[in-house]
Amino acid sequence: MSVEELKREALKLPADERELLAMELLSSLRSELTYEEEWAVEADRRAMEIREGRVETIPADEVFRKALDRLK
């Protein structure tokens, strides 16, 4: 199977399965990724979780208020 054929088939998968496949493929390259690239991958993963409603976001003002309360 060519890379192009593999890509076409992979794009037919549901989003959550494509994400898992992407993470597997990226993890196989970890030793080749730079620090910045690894964070870009992590940011993309987190953004996808937010878009798909799999995580609950917390408003920044609430986060900062709780952090300041802990420092008191």
C-alpha atoms as a PDB file:
ATOM      1  CA  MET A   1       0.000   0.000   0.000  1.00  0.00           C
ATOM      2  CA  SER A   2       1.372   3.404  -0.913  1.00  0.00           C
ATOM      3  CA  VAL A   3       1.533   6.313   1.495  1.00  0.00           C
ATOM      4  CA  GLU A   4      -1.171   8.082  -0.522  1.00  0.00           C
ATOM      5  CA  GLU A   5      -3.491   5.055  -0.289  1.00  0.00           C
ATOM      6  CA  LEU A   6      -2.803   4.741   3.416  1.00  0.00           C
ATOM      7  CA  LYS A   7      -3.576   8.422   3.914  1.00  0.00           C
ATOM      8  CA  ARG A   8      -6.881   8.144   2.013  1.00  0.00           C
ATOM      9  CA  GLU A   9      -7.934   5.172   4.138  1.00  0.00           C
ATOM     10  CA  ALA A  10      -6.853   6.835   7.385  1.00  0.00           C
ATOM     11  CA  LEU A  11      -8.901   9.931   6.577  1.00  0.00           C
ATOM     12  CA  LYS A  12     -12.019   7.754   6.410  1.00  0.00           C
ATOM     13  CA  LEU A  13     -11.631   6.868  10.102  1.00  0.00           C
ATOM     14  CA  PRO A  14     -13.680   8.668  12.772  1.00  0.00           C
ATOM     15  CA  ALA A  15     -11.900  11.633  14.370  1.00  0.00           C
ATOM     16  CA  ASP A  16     -11.085   9.825  17.606  1.00  0.00           C
ATOM     17  CA  GLU A  17      -9.485   6.914  15.748  1.00  0.00           C
ATOM     18  CA  ARG A  18      -7.523   9.309  13.503  1.00  0.00           C
ATOM     19  CA  GLU A  19      -6.280  11.047  16.645  1.00  0.00           C
ATOM     20  CA  LEU A  20      -5.104   7.750  18.134  1.00  0.00           C
ATOM     21  CA  LEU A  21      -3.375   6.832  14.895  1.00  0.00           C
ATOM     22  CA  ALA A  22      -1.718  10.246  14.719  1.00  0.00           C
ATOM     23  CA  MET A  23      -0.494   9.963  18.301  1.00  0.00           C
ATOM     24  CA  GLU A  24       0.960   6.497  17.586  1.00  0.00           C
ATOM     25  CA  LEU A  25       2.741   7.750  14.498  1.00  0.00           C
ATOM     26  CA  LEU A  26       4.040  10.839  16.275  1.00  0.00           C
ATOM     27  CA  SER A  27       5.247   8.853  19.252  1.00  0.00           C
ATOM     28  CA  SER A  28       7.290   6.719  16.870  1.00  0.00           C
ATOM     29  CA  LEU A  29       9.100   9.919  15.861  1.00  0.00           C
ATOM     30  CA  ARG A  30       9.556  11.349  19.368  1.00  0.00           C
ATOM     31  CA  SER A  31      13.313  10.991  19.295  1.00  0.00           C
ATOM     32  CA  GLU A  32      13.361  13.044  16.113  1.00  0.00           C
ATOM     33  CA  LEU A  33      11.077  15.845  17.298  1.00  0.00           C
ATOM     34  CA  THR A  34      12.400  19.030  18.829  1.00  0.00           C
ATOM     35  CA  TYR A  35      11.098  20.373  22.110  1.00  0.00           C
ATOM     36  CA  GLU A  36       9.016  22.986  20.263  1.00  0.00           C
ATOM     37  CA  GLU A  37       7.538  20.388  17.914  1.00  0.00           C
ATOM     38  CA  GLU A  38       6.561  18.172  20.830  1.00  0.00           C
ATOM     39  CA  TRP A  39       4.730  21.065  22.471  1.00  0.00           C
ATOM     40  CA  ALA A  40       2.998  21.880  19.180  1.00  0.00           C
ATOM     41  CA  VAL A  41       1.757  18.283  19.007  1.00  0.00           C
ATOM     42  CA  GLU A  42       0.562  18.474  22.623  1.00  0.00           C
ATOM     43  CA  ALA A  43      -1.189  21.797  21.979  1.00  0.00           C
ATOM     44  CA  ASP A  44      -2.952  20.317  18.950  1.00  0.00           C
ATOM     45  CA  ARG A  45      -4.067  17.316  21.013  1.00  0.00           C
ATOM     46  CA  ARG A  46      -5.423  19.543  23.775  1.00  0.00           C
ATOM     47  CA  ALA A  47      -7.211  21.806  21.280  1.00  0.00           C
ATOM     48  CA  MET A  48      -8.875  18.766  19.728  1.00  0.00           C
ATOM     49  CA  GLU A  49     -10.053  17.596  23.170  1.00  0.00           C
ATOM     50  CA  ILE A  50     -11.604  21.020  23.788  1.00  0.00           C
ATOM     51  CA  ARG A  51     -13.269  21.179  20.357  1.00  0.00           C
ATOM     52  CA  GLU A  52     -14.729  17.702  20.808  1.00  0.00           C
ATOM     53  CA  GLY A  53     -16.003  18.548  24.297  1.00  0.00           C
ATOM     54  CA  ARG A  54     -13.942  15.832  25.983  1.00  0.00           C
ATOM     55  CA  VAL A  55     -12.520  18.202  28.591  1.00  0.00           C
ATOM     56  CA  GLU A  56     -14.008  20.999  30.639  1.00  0.00           C
ATOM     57  CA  THR A  57     -12.320  24.365  30.315  1.00  0.00           C
ATOM     58  CA  ILE A  58     -11.889  26.769  33.224  1.00  0.00           C
ATOM     59  CA  PRO A  59     -11.984  30.538  32.656  1.00  0.00           C
ATOM     60  CA  ALA A  60      -8.590  32.181  33.162  1.00  0.00           C
ATOM     61  CA  ASP A  61      -9.870  34.604  35.806  1.00  0.00           C
ATOM     62  CA  GLU A  62     -11.042  31.656  37.912  1.00  0.00           C
ATOM     63  CA  VAL A  63      -7.676  29.900  37.535  1.00  0.00           C
ATOM     64  CA  PHE A  64      -5.765  33.032  38.529  1.00  0.00           C
ATOM     65  CA  ARG A  65      -8.096  33.723  41.472  1.00  0.00           C
ATOM     66  CA  LYS A  66      -7.607  30.180  42.810  1.00  0.00           C
ATOM     67  CA  ALA A  67      -3.834  30.416  42.319  1.00  0.00           C
ATOM     68  CA  LEU A  68      -3.690  33.739  44.186  1.00  0.00           C
ATOM     69  CA  ASP A  69      -5.878  32.343  46.977  1.00  0.00           C
ATOM     70  CA  ARG A  70      -3.400  29.481  47.446  1.00  0.00           C
ATOM     71  CA  LEU A  71      -0.505  31.911  47.738  1.00  0.00           C
ATOM     72  CA  LYS A  72      -2.164  33.821  50.583  1.00  0.00           C
END
